[in-house]
Amino acid sequence: MARTYLDAFCQVRGIKKVKVWSPNTANAQTYAREAAELHGVECQVASFAREAVRGVDIAACCTSTNEPVFLTEWLEPGMHVTNLTSSELQPNLLQVVDVAVRAGEATPGKEIPTDWFLQDIRD
């Protein structure tokens, strides 16, 4: 799924640099090498999860964990966070972000005014 996320981000944003972290360093290195070749971006393997998300515009969590890998205190102004499973994020994240969009009926979310969404797409 991380590959799909990066493909999508590269389609809509001028991605130049990717930071990668995994508890399995070999997996992170393989992903970084593949991403650099496929997308022509600089890829850096981070030693720690916090290092991977510090100073980024987009943080994407793509894990099979049952424990948070992105901590709420790591949020930075303007950061976009995408996650695969709700367990990757701390439960209070939805209460501290400006806009939260969650797919599915079983997941909590904030109501987003329709005019905000349409205006954002048109800009």
C-alpha atoms as a PDB file:
ATOM      1  CA  MET A   1       0.000   0.000   0.000  1.00  0.00           C
ATOM      2  CA  ALA A   2       2.908   2.385   0.600  1.00  0.00           C
ATOM      3  CA  ARG A   3       3.783   2.116  -3.077  1.00  0.00           C
ATOM      4  CA  THR A   4       0.211   2.979  -4.069  1.00  0.00           C
ATOM      5  CA  TYR A   5       0.167   5.960  -1.709  1.00  0.00           C
ATOM      6  CA  LEU A   6       3.418   7.310  -3.149  1.00  0.00           C
ATOM      7  CA  ASP A   7       2.168   6.768  -6.707  1.00  0.00           C
ATOM      8  CA  ALA A   8      -0.940   8.819  -5.893  1.00  0.00           C
ATOM      9  CA  PHE A   9       0.972  11.593  -4.119  1.00  0.00           C
ATOM     10  CA  CYS A  10       3.379  11.897  -7.058  1.00  0.00           C
ATOM     11  CA  GLN A  11       0.415  12.273  -9.439  1.00  0.00           C
ATOM     12  CA  VAL A  12      -0.950  15.328  -7.628  1.00  0.00           C
ATOM     13  CA  ARG A  13       2.071  16.908  -5.912  1.00  0.00           C
ATOM     14  CA  GLY A  14       5.627  17.699  -6.948  1.00  0.00           C
ATOM     15  CA  ILE A  15       7.245  15.165  -4.640  1.00  0.00           C
ATOM     16  CA  LYS A  16      11.025  15.625  -4.579  1.00  0.00           C
ATOM     17  CA  LYS A  17      12.107  13.829  -1.420  1.00  0.00           C
ATOM     18  CA  VAL A  18      10.774  10.787   0.430  1.00  0.00           C
ATOM     19  CA  LYS A  19      11.753   9.680   3.906  1.00  0.00           C
ATOM     20  CA  VAL A  20      11.088   6.041   4.739  1.00  0.00           C
ATOM     21  CA  TRP A  21      11.022   4.159   8.029  1.00  0.00           C
ATOM     22  CA  SER A  22      10.247   0.557   8.861  1.00  0.00           C
ATOM     23  CA  PRO A  23      11.117  -1.579  11.859  1.00  0.00           C
ATOM     24  CA  ASN A  24      12.617  -3.851   9.198  1.00  0.00           C
ATOM     25  CA  THR A  25      15.519  -1.834   7.776  1.00  0.00           C
ATOM     26  CA  ALA A  26      15.898  -4.135   4.754  1.00  0.00           C
ATOM     27  CA  ASN A  27      12.266  -3.470   3.775  1.00  0.00           C
ATOM     28  CA  ALA A  28      12.790   0.283   4.112  1.00  0.00           C
ATOM     29  CA  GLN A  29      15.922   0.133   1.973  1.00  0.00           C
ATOM     30  CA  THR A  30      14.169  -1.886  -0.732  1.00  0.00           C
ATOM     31  CA  TYR A  31      11.219   0.505  -0.786  1.00  0.00           C
ATOM     32  CA  ALA A  32      13.516   3.552  -0.919  1.00  0.00           C
ATOM     33  CA  ARG A  33      15.520   2.121  -3.812  1.00  0.00           C
ATOM     34  CA  GLU A  34      12.364   1.217  -5.767  1.00  0.00           C
ATOM     35  CA  ALA A  35      10.722   4.595  -5.119  1.00  0.00           C
ATOM     36  CA  ALA A  36      13.816   6.509  -6.191  1.00  0.00           C
ATOM     37  CA  GLU A  37      14.036   4.572  -9.447  1.00  0.00           C
ATOM     38  CA  LEU A  38      10.323   4.651 -10.267  1.00  0.00           C
ATOM     39  CA  HIS A  39       9.589   8.271  -9.345  1.00  0.00           C
ATOM     40  CA  GLY A  40      12.971   9.944  -9.754  1.00  0.00           C
ATOM     41  CA  VAL A  41      12.898  11.269  -6.203  1.00  0.00           C
ATOM     42  CA  GLU A  42      15.506  11.420  -3.481  1.00  0.00           C
ATOM     43  CA  CYS A  43      14.816   8.691  -0.898  1.00  0.00           C
ATOM     44  CA  GLN A  44      16.267   8.627   2.578  1.00  0.00           C
ATOM     45  CA  VAL A  45      15.891   5.747   5.041  1.00  0.00           C
ATOM     46  CA  ALA A  46      15.232   7.092   8.540  1.00  0.00           C
ATOM     47  CA  SER A  47      16.505   5.374  11.665  1.00  0.00           C
ATOM     48  CA  PHE A  48      13.372   6.185  13.665  1.00  0.00           C
ATOM     49  CA  ALA A  49       9.709   6.854  12.861  1.00  0.00           C
ATOM     50  CA  ARG A  50       9.934  10.338  14.373  1.00  0.00           C
ATOM     51  CA  GLU A  51      12.865  11.151  12.107  1.00  0.00           C
ATOM     52  CA  ALA A  52      10.870  10.044   9.058  1.00  0.00           C
ATOM     53  CA  VAL A  53       8.011  12.495   9.693  1.00  0.00           C
ATOM     54  CA  ARG A  54       9.905  15.492  11.061  1.00  0.00           C
ATOM     55  CA  GLY A  55       9.583  18.436   8.682  1.00  0.00           C
ATOM     56  CA  VAL A  56       7.499  16.674   6.022  1.00  0.00           C
ATOM     57  CA  ASP A  57       4.433  18.010   4.246  1.00  0.00           C
ATOM     58  CA  ILE A  58       2.829  14.560   3.889  1.00  0.00           C
ATOM     59  CA  ALA A  59       3.091  11.699   6.382  1.00  0.00           C
ATOM     60  CA  ALA A  60       1.696   8.348   5.247  1.00  0.00           C
ATOM     61  CA  CYS A  61       1.378   5.382   7.589  1.00  0.00           C
ATOM     62  CA  CYS A  62       1.089   2.025   5.843  1.00  0.00           C
ATOM     63  CA  THR A  63       1.469  -0.697   8.441  1.00  0.00           C
ATOM     64  CA  SER A  64      -0.160  -3.788   9.850  1.00  0.00           C
ATOM     65  CA  THR A  65       0.515  -2.704  13.425  1.00  0.00           C
ATOM     66  CA  ASN A  66      -1.892  -2.703  16.340  1.00  0.00           C
ATOM     67  CA  GLU A  67       0.064   0.109  18.021  1.00  0.00           C
ATOM     68  CA  PRO A  68       0.327   3.778  17.014  1.00  0.00           C
ATOM     69  CA  VAL A  69       3.334   4.566  14.824  1.00  0.00           C
ATOM     70  CA  PHE A  70       2.466   8.259  14.390  1.00  0.00           C
ATOM     71  CA  LEU A  71       2.118  10.225  17.609  1.00  0.00           C
ATOM     72  CA  THR A  72      -0.204  13.209  17.846  1.00  0.00           C
ATOM     73  CA  GLU A  73       2.568  15.446  19.212  1.00  0.00           C
ATOM     74  CA  TRP A  74       4.452  14.919  15.933  1.00  0.00           C
ATOM     75  CA  LEU A  75       1.854  16.956  13.997  1.00  0.00           C
ATOM     76  CA  GLU A  76       3.279  20.091  12.406  1.00  0.00           C
ATOM     77  CA  PRO A  77       1.373  23.040  10.899  1.00  0.00           C
ATOM     78  CA  GLY A  78       0.132  22.245   7.391  1.00  0.00           C
ATOM     79  CA  MET A  79       1.005  18.542   7.601  1.00  0.00           C
ATOM     80  CA  HIS A  80      -1.228  16.070   5.770  1.00  0.00           C
ATOM     81  CA  VAL A  81      -1.461  12.648   7.460  1.00  0.00           C
ATOM     82  CA  THR A  82      -2.774   9.567   5.675  1.00  0.00           C
ATOM     83  CA  ASN A  83      -3.173   6.264   7.455  1.00  0.00           C
ATOM     84  CA  LEU A  84      -4.121   2.762   6.435  1.00  0.00           C
ATOM     85  CA  THR A  85      -5.582   1.550   9.735  1.00  0.00           C
ATOM     86  CA  SER A  86      -6.961   3.454  12.712  1.00  0.00           C
ATOM     87  CA  SER A  87      -4.524   1.701  15.049  1.00  0.00           C
ATOM     88  CA  GLU A  88      -1.563   3.495  13.412  1.00  0.00           C
ATOM     89  CA  LEU A  89      -2.627   6.828  14.929  1.00  0.00           C
ATOM     90  CA  GLN A  90      -3.293   7.857  18.492  1.00  0.00           C
ATOM     91  CA  PRO A  91      -7.050   8.093  19.137  1.00  0.00           C
ATOM     92  CA  ASN A  92      -6.917  11.814  20.012  1.00  0.00           C
ATOM     93  CA  LEU A  93      -5.554  12.833  16.591  1.00  0.00           C
ATOM     94  CA  LEU A  94      -9.053  13.526  15.246  1.00  0.00           C
ATOM     95  CA  GLN A  95      -9.643  16.036  18.037  1.00  0.00           C
ATOM     96  CA  VAL A  96      -6.551  18.141  17.294  1.00  0.00           C
ATOM     97  CA  VAL A  97      -6.454  18.387  13.489  1.00  0.00           C
ATOM     98  CA  ASP A  98      -8.120  21.143  11.480  1.00  0.00           C
ATOM     99  CA  VAL A  99      -9.803  18.761   9.027  1.00  0.00           C
ATOM    100  CA  ALA A 100     -10.332  15.021   9.351  1.00  0.00           C
ATOM    101  CA  VAL A 101     -11.780  12.791   6.665  1.00  0.00           C
ATOM    102  CA  ARG A 102     -12.434   9.142   7.442  1.00  0.00           C
ATOM    103  CA  ALA A 103     -13.796   6.543   5.065  1.00  0.00           C
ATOM    104  CA  GLY A 104     -16.444   4.066   6.096  1.00  0.00           C
ATOM    105  CA  GLU A 105     -19.501   4.153   8.276  1.00  0.00           C
ATOM    106  CA  ALA A 106     -17.839   2.563  11.293  1.00  0.00           C
ATOM    107  CA  THR A 107     -15.146   5.211  11.661  1.00  0.00           C
ATOM    108  CA  PRO A 108     -15.707   8.500  13.471  1.00  0.00           C
ATOM    109  CA  GLY A 109     -15.095  11.719  11.600  1.00  0.00           C
ATOM    110  CA  LYS A 110     -15.655  15.430  11.598  1.00  0.00           C
ATOM    111  CA  GLU A 111     -18.308  16.967   9.414  1.00  0.00           C
ATOM    112  CA  ILE A 112     -16.815  18.941   6.556  1.00  0.00           C
ATOM    113  CA  PRO A 113     -18.906  21.692   4.963  1.00  0.00           C
ATOM    114  CA  THR A 114     -19.645  20.790   1.338  1.00  0.00           C
ATOM    115  CA  ASP A 115     -18.745  24.274   0.128  1.00  0.00           C
ATOM    116  CA  TRP A 116     -15.269  23.947   1.731  1.00  0.00           C
ATOM    117  CA  PHE A 117     -14.580  20.717  -0.123  1.00  0.00           C
ATOM    118  CA  LEU A 118     -15.797  22.034  -3.470  1.00  0.00           C
ATOM    119  CA  GLN A 119     -13.900  25.278  -3.070  1.00  0.00           C
ATOM    120  CA  ASP A 120     -10.702  23.380  -2.240  1.00  0.00           C
ATOM    121  CA  ILE A 121     -11.032  21.245  -5.385  1.00  0.00           C
ATOM    122  CA  ARG A 122     -11.596  24.266  -7.629  1.00  0.00           C
ATOM    123  CA  ASP A 123      -8.535  26.152  -6.345  1.00  0.00           C
END
